[in-house]
N, C-alpha and C. Protein backbone atom coordinates (compact mmCIF):
# COMPACT_ATOMS: atom_id res chain seq x y z
N MET A 1 -48.51 -11.39 60.39
CA MET A 1 -47.96 -10.11 61.15
C MET A 1 -47.87 -9.01 59.76
N ARG A 2 -48.32 -7.89 59.75
CA ARG A 2 -48.78 -7.09 58.01
C ARG A 2 -48.30 -6.03 58.84
N ILE A 3 -47.41 -5.35 57.69
CA ILE A 3 -46.40 -3.96 57.52
C ILE A 3 -47.12 -2.86 56.69
N ARG A 4 -47.40 -2.03 57.07
CA ARG A 4 -48.26 -1.29 55.99
C ARG A 4 -47.07 -0.17 55.98
N LEU A 5 -46.57 -0.37 53.82
CA LEU A 5 -44.84 1.04 53.94
C LEU A 5 -45.73 2.04 52.69
N GLU A 6 -44.92 3.09 52.62
CA GLU A 6 -45.22 3.72 51.47
C GLU A 6 -43.69 3.64 50.57
N VAL A 7 -43.87 3.29 49.57
CA VAL A 7 -42.62 2.88 49.37
C VAL A 7 -42.68 3.66 48.01
N PHE A 8 -41.25 4.86 48.05
CA PHE A 8 -41.21 5.96 46.68
C PHE A 8 -42.62 6.45 46.11
N GLY A 9 -43.55 6.44 47.06
CA GLY A 9 -44.97 7.08 47.27
C GLY A 9 -46.34 6.47 46.98
N GLU A 10 -45.33 5.04 46.80
CA GLU A 10 -46.63 3.72 46.76
C GLU A 10 -47.08 2.84 47.58
N ARG A 11 -48.19 3.12 48.55
CA ARG A 11 -48.15 2.12 49.24
C ARG A 11 -48.17 0.48 49.13
N MET A 12 -47.82 -0.07 49.66
CA MET A 12 -47.88 -1.09 49.63
C MET A 12 -47.87 -1.80 51.05
N ASP A 13 -48.14 -3.20 51.26
CA ASP A 13 -48.81 -4.05 52.66
C ASP A 13 -46.90 -4.77 52.48
N ALA A 14 -46.99 -5.46 53.39
CA ALA A 14 -45.97 -6.50 53.55
C ALA A 14 -46.32 -7.25 54.76
N GLU A 15 -46.57 -8.76 53.96
CA GLU A 15 -47.28 -10.03 55.25
C GLU A 15 -46.46 -10.81 55.71
N PHE A 16 -45.93 -11.05 56.80
CA PHE A 16 -45.34 -12.59 56.89
C PHE A 16 -46.17 -13.32 57.15
N ALA A 17 -46.12 -14.24 56.77
CA ALA A 17 -47.00 -15.63 56.93
C ALA A 17 -46.80 -16.85 56.27
N ALA A 18 -47.30 -18.30 57.10
CA ALA A 18 -46.76 -19.80 56.53
C ALA A 18 -45.19 -19.36 56.41
N GLU A 19 -44.44 -18.69 57.14
CA GLU A 19 -42.81 -18.59 57.09
C GLU A 19 -42.40 -18.04 55.26
N ARG A 20 -43.25 -17.37 55.54
CA ARG A 20 -42.28 -16.09 53.87
C ARG A 20 -42.82 -15.10 53.93
N TRP A 21 -42.42 -13.70 53.72
CA TRP A 21 -43.02 -12.78 52.82
C TRP A 21 -43.69 -12.58 51.94
N THR A 22 -44.49 -11.98 51.89
CA THR A 22 -45.62 -11.40 50.70
C THR A 22 -45.42 -9.91 50.44
N LEU A 23 -45.42 -9.53 49.16
CA LEU A 23 -45.17 -8.09 49.41
C LEU A 23 -46.59 -7.40 48.28
N TYR A 24 -47.53 -6.59 48.25
CA TYR A 24 -48.98 -6.02 47.81
C TYR A 24 -48.38 -4.75 47.45
N ARG A 25 -49.11 -4.21 46.02
CA ARG A 25 -49.46 -3.32 45.63
C ARG A 25 -50.69 -2.90 46.30
N ILE A 26 -50.81 -1.56 46.75
CA ILE A 26 -51.90 -1.00 47.45
C ILE A 26 -52.86 -0.35 45.77
N GLY A 27 -54.13 -0.48 45.44
CA GLY A 27 -54.28 0.43 44.19
C GLY A 27 -54.55 1.65 44.53
N SER A 28 -55.84 2.40 43.79
CA SER A 28 -56.02 3.72 44.63
C SER A 28 -57.64 3.50 45.31
N ASP A 29 -57.89 2.51 44.76
CA ASP A 29 -59.66 1.62 44.88
C ASP A 29 -59.47 0.91 46.17
N GLY A 30 -57.87 0.41 46.36
CA GLY A 30 -57.77 -0.30 48.22
C GLY A 30 -57.82 -1.49 47.62
N LYS A 31 -57.73 -2.12 46.57
CA LYS A 31 -57.41 -3.49 46.29
C LYS A 31 -55.79 -3.81 46.01
N ARG A 32 -56.01 -4.70 46.94
CA ARG A 32 -54.23 -5.83 46.81
C ARG A 32 -53.74 -6.17 45.99
N SER A 33 -53.14 -6.22 45.15
CA SER A 33 -52.23 -7.06 44.14
C SER A 33 -50.75 -7.34 44.55
N ASP A 34 -50.34 -8.83 44.28
CA ASP A 34 -49.23 -9.21 45.03
C ASP A 34 -48.30 -8.69 43.80
N SER A 35 -46.88 -8.45 44.33
CA SER A 35 -46.72 -7.45 43.42
C SER A 35 -45.25 -8.24 42.96
N GLY A 36 -45.10 -9.59 43.16
CA GLY A 36 -44.26 -10.34 42.51
C GLY A 36 -42.96 -10.02 43.11
N LEU A 37 -42.48 -9.78 43.68
CA LEU A 37 -41.06 -9.23 44.58
C LEU A 37 -40.53 -10.21 45.26
N ALA A 38 -39.98 -10.70 45.55
CA ALA A 38 -39.43 -12.38 46.67
C ALA A 38 -38.72 -10.85 47.64
N ILE A 39 -38.87 -11.29 48.54
CA ILE A 39 -38.32 -11.08 49.96
C ILE A 39 -38.46 -11.91 50.64
N PRO A 40 -36.77 -12.59 51.28
CA PRO A 40 -36.47 -13.89 51.57
C PRO A 40 -37.53 -13.61 53.36
N ALA A 41 -37.71 -15.17 53.75
CA ALA A 41 -37.97 -15.50 54.93
C ALA A 41 -36.80 -14.71 56.48
N PHE A 42 -35.54 -14.75 56.28
CA PHE A 42 -35.05 -14.39 56.80
C PHE A 42 -34.85 -12.83 57.45
N ILE A 43 -35.51 -12.44 57.15
CA ILE A 43 -35.37 -11.06 56.58
C ILE A 43 -36.52 -10.21 57.72
N ALA A 44 -35.94 -10.03 58.94
CA ALA A 44 -36.35 -9.36 60.04
C ALA A 44 -37.07 -8.49 59.89
N ALA A 45 -38.61 -8.28 60.48
CA ALA A 45 -39.28 -7.38 59.87
C ALA A 45 -38.84 -5.75 60.56
N GLU A 46 -38.01 -5.64 61.24
CA GLU A 46 -36.84 -4.40 61.42
C GLU A 46 -36.35 -3.98 60.43
N GLU A 47 -36.19 -4.90 59.17
CA GLU A 47 -34.81 -4.82 58.20
C GLU A 47 -35.55 -4.76 57.27
N LEU A 48 -37.31 -4.25 57.19
CA LEU A 48 -37.99 -4.79 55.34
C LEU A 48 -37.37 -3.13 54.79
N GLU A 49 -37.97 -1.95 55.48
CA GLU A 49 -37.58 -0.58 54.99
C GLU A 49 -36.35 -0.71 54.37
N GLN A 50 -35.13 -1.09 54.71
CA GLN A 50 -33.84 -1.46 54.42
C GLN A 50 -33.66 -2.21 53.21
N PHE A 51 -34.49 -2.76 53.41
CA PHE A 51 -34.65 -4.39 52.74
C PHE A 51 -34.73 -3.88 50.80
N LEU A 52 -35.94 -3.61 51.84
CA LEU A 52 -36.60 -2.79 49.85
C LEU A 52 -36.12 -1.19 49.17
N PHE A 53 -35.81 -0.51 50.03
CA PHE A 53 -34.75 0.31 49.47
C PHE A 53 -33.56 -0.56 48.75
N ASP A 54 -32.67 -1.32 48.98
CA ASP A 54 -31.58 -1.27 48.40
C ASP A 54 -32.03 -2.85 47.25
N LEU A 55 -33.48 -3.16 47.46
CA LEU A 55 -34.26 -3.57 46.07
C LEU A 55 -34.19 -2.91 45.10
N LEU A 56 -35.11 -1.62 45.41
CA LEU A 56 -35.86 -0.46 44.85
C LEU A 56 -35.58 0.66 44.22
N HIS A 57 -34.34 1.30 44.95
CA HIS A 57 -33.67 2.22 45.25
C HIS A 57 -33.54 3.13 43.71
N GLU A 58 -33.44 1.98 42.75
CA GLU A 58 -33.52 2.75 41.28
C GLU A 58 -34.68 3.39 40.92
N GLY A 59 -36.14 2.75 41.42
CA GLY A 59 -37.58 3.57 41.04
C GLY A 59 -37.70 4.57 41.81
N ALA A 60 -36.85 5.38 42.89
CA ALA A 60 -36.89 6.00 44.04
C ALA A 60 -37.16 7.12 42.49
N LYS A 61 -38.01 8.27 43.32
CA LYS A 61 -38.58 9.67 42.05
C LYS A 61 -37.45 10.30 42.98
N PRO A 62 -37.03 11.93 42.39
CA PRO A 62 -36.41 12.92 42.97
C PRO A 62 -37.28 13.43 44.23
N SER A 63 -38.45 13.71 43.70
CA SER A 63 -39.17 14.24 44.36
C SER A 63 -40.44 12.87 45.86
N ASP A 64 -39.38 11.98 46.16
CA ASP A 64 -39.70 11.20 46.80
C ASP A 64 -39.22 9.70 47.16
N SER A 65 -38.19 10.01 47.79
CA SER A 65 -36.91 9.07 47.54
C SER A 65 -37.22 7.95 49.12
N THR A 66 -37.44 7.82 49.63
CA THR A 66 -37.96 7.59 51.41
C THR A 66 -39.22 5.97 51.30
N ILE A 67 -38.76 5.61 52.56
CA ILE A 67 -39.42 4.77 52.55
C ILE A 67 -39.91 4.46 53.52
N ARG A 68 -41.48 4.31 54.43
CA ARG A 68 -41.49 4.38 55.73
C ARG A 68 -43.09 3.93 55.88
N ARG A 69 -43.02 3.40 57.08
CA ARG A 69 -44.25 2.25 57.11
C ARG A 69 -45.32 3.89 57.56
N LEU A 70 -46.03 3.10 57.44
CA LEU A 70 -47.78 3.68 57.78
C LEU A 70 -48.44 3.33 59.45
N PRO A 71 -49.12 3.88 59.42
CA PRO A 71 -49.21 3.18 60.54
C PRO A 71 -51.24 2.71 60.35
N ASP A 72 -51.04 1.79 61.14
CA ASP A 72 -51.73 -0.04 60.61
C ASP A 72 -53.02 0.76 61.10
N LEU A 73 -54.13 0.28 60.17
CA LEU A 73 -55.34 0.64 59.50
C LEU A 73 -56.69 0.12 61.72
């Protein structure tokens, strides 16, 4: 399962495979790199935005303080 997100203005992909989540940053060139952030396997897909907000809220910008799902390509 892959979920595309915009996290405080930054595009990211969250993938759940092999019983674990991996969060990738998506660069301006479209390439993905592992964010290094740990997301517990017990976090349900519908809880992902709230979990990331709780984890990353200090990085929010006044101009963009939201986390939202993006449509799949």
